[in-house]
Amino acid sequence: MPNRRPAIAVAVGLLVALAVITPLAWLINTRDWGILVMFVVPFAVWGLIWLGRRLADWAGVGPPP
């Protein structure tokens, strides 16, 4: 049975990124106060990078060659 962890990690990462980035982009583009959300964006990106690294560790994939 093949290891499905990498595929699960990619799917979870994409779903979480979509769930985080879409509302932030919508708020920034449609609300007058949305520009204040720009201060949250670096923390959201940091969190997504952190999650991606944890998912890669969980999936058991090493660094690219």
PDB file of N, CA and C in Angstrom:
ATOM      1  N   MET A   1       0.838  -1.176   0.000  1.00  0.00           N
ATOM      2  CA  MET A   1       0.000   0.000   0.000  1.00  0.00           C
ATOM      3  C   MET A   1       0.887   1.246   0.000  1.00  0.00           C
ATOM      4  N   PRO A   2       0.684   2.133  -0.946  1.00  0.00           N
ATOM      5  CA  PRO A   2       1.538   3.319  -1.036  1.00  0.00           C
ATOM      6  C   PRO A   2       1.276   4.281   0.131  1.00  0.00           C
ATOM      7  N   ASN A   3       2.283   5.077   0.403  1.00  0.00           N
ATOM      8  CA  ASN A   3       2.172   6.077   1.456  1.00  0.00           C
ATOM      9  C   ASN A   3       1.301   7.231   0.954  1.00  0.00           C
ATOM     10  N   ARG A   4       0.176   7.460   1.586  1.00  0.00           N
ATOM     11  CA  ARG A   4      -0.749   8.515   1.160  1.00  0.00           C
ATOM     12  C   ARG A   4      -0.544   9.817   1.923  1.00  0.00           C
ATOM     13  N   ARG A   5       0.355   9.823   2.853  1.00  0.00           N
ATOM     14  CA  ARG A   5       0.551  11.026   3.661  1.00  0.00           C
ATOM     15  C   ARG A   5       0.935  12.261   2.845  1.00  0.00           C
ATOM     16  N   PRO A   6       1.822  12.162   1.846  1.00  0.00           N
ATOM     17  CA  PRO A   6       2.128  13.370   1.069  1.00  0.00           C
ATOM     18  C   PRO A   6       0.899  13.953   0.366  1.00  0.00           C
ATOM     19  N   ALA A   7       0.056  13.105  -0.189  1.00  0.00           N
ATOM     20  CA  ALA A   7      -1.142  13.605  -0.871  1.00  0.00           C
ATOM     21  C   ALA A   7      -2.114  14.241   0.121  1.00  0.00           C
ATOM     22  N   ILE A   8      -2.251  13.630   1.289  1.00  0.00           N
ATOM     23  CA  ILE A   8      -3.130  14.195   2.317  1.00  0.00           C
ATOM     24  C   ILE A   8      -2.583  15.534   2.797  1.00  0.00           C
ATOM     25  N   ALA A   9      -1.266  15.620   2.980  1.00  0.00           N
ATOM     26  CA  ALA A   9      -0.644  16.865   3.434  1.00  0.00           C
ATOM     27  C   ALA A   9      -0.854  17.983   2.419  1.00  0.00           C
ATOM     28  N   VAL A  10      -0.714  17.685   1.139  1.00  0.00           N
ATOM     29  CA  VAL A  10      -0.927  18.697   0.102  1.00  0.00           C
ATOM     30  C   VAL A  10      -2.382  19.150   0.096  1.00  0.00           C
ATOM     31  N   ALA A  11      -3.302  18.207   0.183  1.00  0.00           N
ATOM     32  CA  ALA A  11      -4.728  18.553   0.170  1.00  0.00           C
ATOM     33  C   ALA A  11      -5.097  19.416   1.377  1.00  0.00           C
ATOM     34  N   VAL A  12      -4.621  19.043   2.551  1.00  0.00           N
ATOM     35  CA  VAL A  12      -4.917  19.826   3.757  1.00  0.00           C
ATOM     36  C   VAL A  12      -4.296  21.215   3.654  1.00  0.00           C
ATOM     37  N   GLY A  13      -3.062  21.292   3.190  1.00  0.00           N
ATOM     38  CA  GLY A  13      -2.398  22.583   3.039  1.00  0.00           C
ATOM     39  C   GLY A  13      -3.123  23.504   2.078  1.00  0.00           C
ATOM     40  N   LEU A  14      -3.566  22.961   0.955  1.00  0.00           N
ATOM     41  CA  LEU A  14      -4.294  23.782  -0.013  1.00  0.00           C
ATOM     42  C   LEU A  14      -5.640  24.245   0.526  1.00  0.00           C
ATOM     43  N   LEU A  15      -6.341  23.371   1.214  1.00  0.00           N
ATOM     44  CA  LEU A  15      -7.638  23.752   1.781  1.00  0.00           C
ATOM     45  C   LEU A  15      -7.487  24.835   2.852  1.00  0.00           C
ATOM     46  N   VAL A  16      -6.491  24.694   3.705  1.00  0.00           N
ATOM     47  CA  VAL A  16      -6.271  25.702   4.745  1.00  0.00           C
ATOM     48  C   VAL A  16      -5.844  27.027   4.122  1.00  0.00           C
ATOM     49  N   ALA A  17      -4.960  26.985   3.133  1.00  0.00           N
ATOM     50  CA  ALA A  17      -4.535  28.215   2.468  1.00  0.00           C
ATOM     51  C   ALA A  17      -5.719  28.915   1.805  1.00  0.00           C
ATOM     52  N   LEU A  18      -6.564  28.155   1.152  1.00  0.00           N
ATOM     53  CA  LEU A  18      -7.752  28.739   0.528  1.00  0.00           C
ATOM     54  C   LEU A  18      -8.674  29.342   1.582  1.00  0.00           C
ATOM     55  N   ALA A  19      -8.840  28.656   2.697  1.00  0.00           N
ATOM     56  CA  ALA A  19      -9.725  29.137   3.761  1.00  0.00           C
ATOM     57  C   ALA A  19      -9.173  30.381   4.458  1.00  0.00           C
ATOM     58  N   VAL A  20      -7.864  30.575   4.437  1.00  0.00           N
ATOM     59  CA  VAL A  20      -7.263  31.741   5.094  1.00  0.00           C
ATOM     60  C   VAL A  20      -7.131  32.913   4.130  1.00  0.00           C
ATOM     61  N   ILE A  21      -6.620  32.668   2.940  1.00  0.00           N
ATOM     62  CA  ILE A  21      -6.319  33.746   2.001  1.00  0.00           C
ATOM     63  C   ILE A  21      -7.573  34.356   1.385  1.00  0.00           C
ATOM     64  N   THR A  22      -8.559  33.536   1.055  1.00  0.00           N
ATOM     65  CA  THR A  22      -9.760  34.052   0.391  1.00  0.00           C
ATOM     66  C   THR A  22     -10.485  35.106   1.230  1.00  0.00           C
ATOM     67  N   PRO A  23     -10.789  34.850   2.502  1.00  0.00           N
ATOM     68  CA  PRO A  23     -11.465  35.906   3.274  1.00  0.00           C
ATOM     69  C   PRO A  23     -10.606  37.158   3.462  1.00  0.00           C
ATOM     70  N   LEU A  24      -9.299  36.970   3.641  1.00  0.00           N
ATOM     71  CA  LEU A  24      -8.431  38.137   3.787  1.00  0.00           C
ATOM     72  C   LEU A  24      -8.436  38.986   2.525  1.00  0.00           C
ATOM     73  N   ALA A  25      -8.301  38.359   1.375  1.00  0.00           N
ATOM     74  CA  ALA A  25      -8.315  39.101   0.114  1.00  0.00           C
ATOM     75  C   ALA A  25      -9.664  39.775  -0.109  1.00  0.00           C
ATOM     76  N   TRP A  26     -10.748  39.095   0.234  1.00  0.00           N
ATOM     77  CA  TRP A  26     -12.083  39.675   0.061  1.00  0.00           C
ATOM     78  C   TRP A  26     -12.255  40.904   0.951  1.00  0.00           C
ATOM     79  N   LEU A  27     -11.826  40.804   2.209  1.00  0.00           N
ATOM     80  CA  LEU A  27     -11.943  41.945   3.114  1.00  0.00           C
ATOM     81  C   LEU A  27     -11.102  43.127   2.653  1.00  0.00           C
ATOM     82  N   ILE A  28      -9.893  42.855   2.203  1.00  0.00           N
ATOM     83  CA  ILE A  28      -9.010  43.928   1.756  1.00  0.00           C
ATOM     84  C   ILE A  28      -9.601  44.634   0.539  1.00  0.00           C
ATOM     85  N   ASN A  29     -10.218  43.890  -0.358  1.00  0.00           N
ATOM     86  CA  ASN A  29     -10.719  44.473  -1.602  1.00  0.00           C
ATOM     87  C   ASN A  29     -12.098  45.100  -1.494  1.00  0.00           C
ATOM     88  N   THR A  30     -12.920  44.697  -0.539  1.00  0.00           N
ATOM     89  CA  THR A  30     -14.308  45.161  -0.542  1.00  0.00           C
ATOM     90  C   THR A  30     -14.669  46.095   0.600  1.00  0.00           C
ATOM     91  N   ARG A  31     -13.873  46.217   1.600  1.00  0.00           N
ATOM     92  CA  ARG A  31     -14.212  47.059   2.751  1.00  0.00           C
ATOM     93  C   ARG A  31     -13.292  48.273   2.809  1.00  0.00           C
ATOM     94  N   ASP A  32     -13.840  49.395   3.251  1.00  0.00           N
ATOM     95  CA  ASP A  32     -13.016  50.590   3.413  1.00  0.00           C
ATOM     96  C   ASP A  32     -11.954  50.380   4.486  1.00  0.00           C
ATOM     97  N   TRP A  33     -12.302  49.659   5.532  1.00  0.00           N
ATOM     98  CA  TRP A  33     -11.357  49.401   6.606  1.00  0.00           C
ATOM     99  C   TRP A  33     -10.492  48.181   6.304  1.00  0.00           C
ATOM    100  N   GLY A  34     -10.655  47.599   5.108  1.00  0.00           N
ATOM    101  CA  GLY A  34      -9.904  46.401   4.747  1.00  0.00           C
ATOM    102  C   GLY A  34      -8.404  46.601   4.718  1.00  0.00           C
ATOM    103  N   ILE A  35      -7.988  47.854   4.511  1.00  0.00           N
ATOM    104  CA  ILE A  35      -6.549  48.108   4.484  1.00  0.00           C
ATOM    105  C   ILE A  35      -5.921  47.790   5.843  1.00  0.00           C
ATOM    106  N   LEU A  36      -6.704  47.897   6.909  1.00  0.00           N
ATOM    107  CA  LEU A  36      -6.185  47.541   8.234  1.00  0.00           C
ATOM    108  C   LEU A  36      -5.906  46.045   8.343  1.00  0.00           C
ATOM    109  N   VAL A  37      -6.586  45.260   7.518  1.00  0.00           N
ATOM    110  CA  VAL A  37      -6.367  43.812   7.520  1.00  0.00           C
ATOM    111  C   VAL A  37      -4.971  43.489   6.991  1.00  0.00           C
ATOM    112  N   MET A  38      -4.388  44.424   6.249  1.00  0.00           N
ATOM    113  CA  MET A  38      -3.041  44.205   5.719  1.00  0.00           C
ATOM    114  C   MET A  38      -2.032  43.941   6.836  1.00  0.00           C
ATOM    115  N   PHE A  39      -2.318  44.436   8.031  1.00  0.00           N
ATOM    116  CA  PHE A  39      -1.416  44.184   9.152  1.00  0.00           C
ATOM    117  C   PHE A  39      -1.491  42.735   9.621  1.00  0.00           C
ATOM    118  N   VAL A  40      -2.567  42.045   9.297  1.00  0.00           N
ATOM    119  CA  VAL A  40      -2.749  40.647   9.690  1.00  0.00           C
ATOM    120  C   VAL A  40      -2.084  39.705   8.684  1.00  0.00           C
ATOM    121  N   VAL A  41      -1.931  40.150   7.456  1.00  0.00           N
ATOM    122  CA  VAL A  41      -1.455  39.291   6.370  1.00  0.00           C
ATOM    123  C   VAL A  41      -0.082  38.671   6.652  1.00  0.00           C
ATOM    124  N   PRO A  42       0.911  39.404   7.145  1.00  0.00           N
ATOM    125  CA  PRO A  42       2.199  38.746   7.414  1.00  0.00           C
ATOM    126  C   PRO A  42       2.093  37.600   8.416  1.00  0.00           C
ATOM    127  N   PHE A  43       1.233  37.753   9.416  1.00  0.00           N
ATOM    128  CA  PHE A  43       1.053  36.681  10.389  1.00  0.00           C
ATOM    129  C   PHE A  43       0.340  35.486   9.766  1.00  0.00           C
ATOM    130  N   ALA A  44      -0.592  35.759   8.864  1.00  0.00           N
ATOM    131  CA  ALA A  44      -1.288  34.671   8.173  1.00  0.00           C
ATOM    132  C   ALA A  44      -0.315  33.906   7.280  1.00  0.00           C
ATOM    133  N   VAL A  45       0.540  34.618   6.573  1.00  0.00           N
ATOM    134  CA  VAL A  45       1.528  33.965   5.711  1.00  0.00           C
ATOM    135  C   VAL A  45       2.515  33.167   6.556  1.00  0.00           C
ATOM    136  N   TRP A  46       2.958  33.733   7.668  1.00  0.00           N
ATOM    137  CA  TRP A  46       3.860  33.005   8.565  1.00  0.00           C
ATOM    138  C   TRP A  46       3.195  31.726   9.062  1.00  0.00           C
ATOM    139  N   GLY A  47       1.923  31.811   9.427  1.00  0.00           N
ATOM    140  CA  GLY A  47       1.202  30.629   9.890  1.00  0.00           C
ATOM    141  C   GLY A  47       1.072  29.571   8.812  1.00  0.00           C
ATOM    142  N   LEU A  48       0.847  29.993   7.579  1.00  0.00           N
ATOM    143  CA  LEU A  48       0.749  29.031   6.478  1.00  0.00           C
ATOM    144  C   LEU A  48       2.097  28.362   6.204  1.00  0.00           C
ATOM    145  N   ILE A  49       3.169  29.126   6.282  1.00  0.00           N
ATOM    146  CA  ILE A  49       4.502  28.540   6.103  1.00  0.00           C
ATOM    147  C   ILE A  49       4.790  27.547   7.225  1.00  0.00           C
ATOM    148  N   TRP A  50       4.453  27.923   8.455  1.00  0.00           N
ATOM    149  CA  TRP A  50       4.646  27.033   9.601  1.00  0.00           C
ATOM    150  C   TRP A  50       3.854  25.741   9.420  1.00  0.00           C
ATOM    151  N   LEU A  51       2.591  25.879   8.999  1.00  0.00           N
ATOM    152  CA  LEU A  51       1.751  24.704   8.773  1.00  0.00           C
ATOM    153  C   LEU A  51       2.333  23.826   7.664  1.00  0.00           C
ATOM    154  N   GLY A  52       2.819  24.436   6.593  1.00  0.00           N
ATOM    155  CA  GLY A  52       3.412  23.668   5.504  1.00  0.00           C
ATOM    156  C   GLY A  52       4.613  22.858   5.955  1.00  0.00           C
ATOM    157  N   ARG A  53       5.438  23.453   6.795  1.00  0.00           N
ATOM    158  CA  ARG A  53       6.603  22.716   7.310  1.00  0.00           C
ATOM    159  C   ARG A  53       6.181  21.567   8.212  1.00  0.00           C
ATOM    160  N   ARG A  54       5.182  21.802   9.052  1.00  0.00           N
ATOM    161  CA  ARG A  54       4.693  20.729   9.932  1.00  0.00           C
ATOM    162  C   ARG A  54       4.056  19.607   9.121  1.00  0.00           C
ATOM    163  N   LEU A  55       3.312  19.961   8.091  1.00  0.00           N
ATOM    164  CA  LEU A  55       2.706  18.938   7.238  1.00  0.00           C
ATOM    165  C   LEU A  55       3.780  18.148   6.492  1.00  0.00           C
ATOM    166  N   ALA A  56       4.841  18.826   6.046  1.00  0.00           N
ATOM    167  CA  ALA A  56       5.932  18.122   5.366  1.00  0.00           C
ATOM    168  C   ALA A  56       6.631  17.161   6.320  1.00  0.00           C
ATOM    169  N   ASP A  57       6.822  17.586   7.563  1.00  0.00           N
ATOM    170  CA  ASP A  57       7.418  16.684   8.556  1.00  0.00           C
ATOM    171  C   ASP A  57       6.515  15.486   8.807  1.00  0.00           C
ATOM    172  N   TRP A  58       5.223  15.730   8.926  1.00  0.00           N
ATOM    173  CA  TRP A  58       4.260  14.651   9.168  1.00  0.00           C
ATOM    174  C   TRP A  58       4.214  13.679   7.991  1.00  0.00           C
ATOM    175  N   ALA A  59       4.302  14.231   6.772  1.00  0.00           N
ATOM    176  CA  ALA A  59       4.231  13.387   5.581  1.00  0.00           C
ATOM    177  C   ALA A  59       5.513  12.591   5.373  1.00  0.00           C
ATOM    178  N   GLY A  60       6.593  13.017   5.991  1.00  0.00           N
ATOM    179  CA  GLY A  60       7.842  12.272   5.886  1.00  0.00           C
ATOM    180  C   GLY A  60       8.604  12.533   4.600  1.00  0.00           C
ATOM    181  N   VAL A  61       8.396  13.682   4.006  1.00  0.00           N
ATOM    182  CA  VAL A  61       9.156  14.017   2.800  1.00  0.00           C
ATOM    183  C   VAL A  61      10.349  14.868   3.204  1.00  0.00           C
ATOM    184  N   GLY A  62      11.458  14.618   2.559  1.00  0.00           N
ATOM    185  CA  GLY A  62      12.672  15.361   2.847  1.00  0.00           C
ATOM    186  C   GLY A  62      12.752  16.608   1.993  1.00  0.00           C
ATOM    187  N   PRO A  63      13.845  17.334   2.127  1.00  0.00           N
ATOM    188  CA  PRO A  63      14.024  18.524   1.296  1.00  0.00           C
ATOM    189  C   PRO A  63      14.218  18.127  -0.164  1.00  0.00           C
ATOM    190  N   PRO A  64      13.925  19.037  -1.081  1.00  0.00           N
ATOM    191  CA  PRO A  64      14.115  18.709  -2.496  1.00  0.00           C
ATOM    192  C   PRO A  64      15.592  18.469  -2.812  1.00  0.00           C
ATOM    193  N   PRO A  65      15.866  17.676  -3.837  1.00  0.00           N
ATOM    194  CA  PRO A  65      17.271  17.369  -4.169  1.00  0.00           C
ATOM    195  C   PRO A  65      18.010  18.562  -4.731  1.00  0.00           C
TER     196      PRO A  65
END
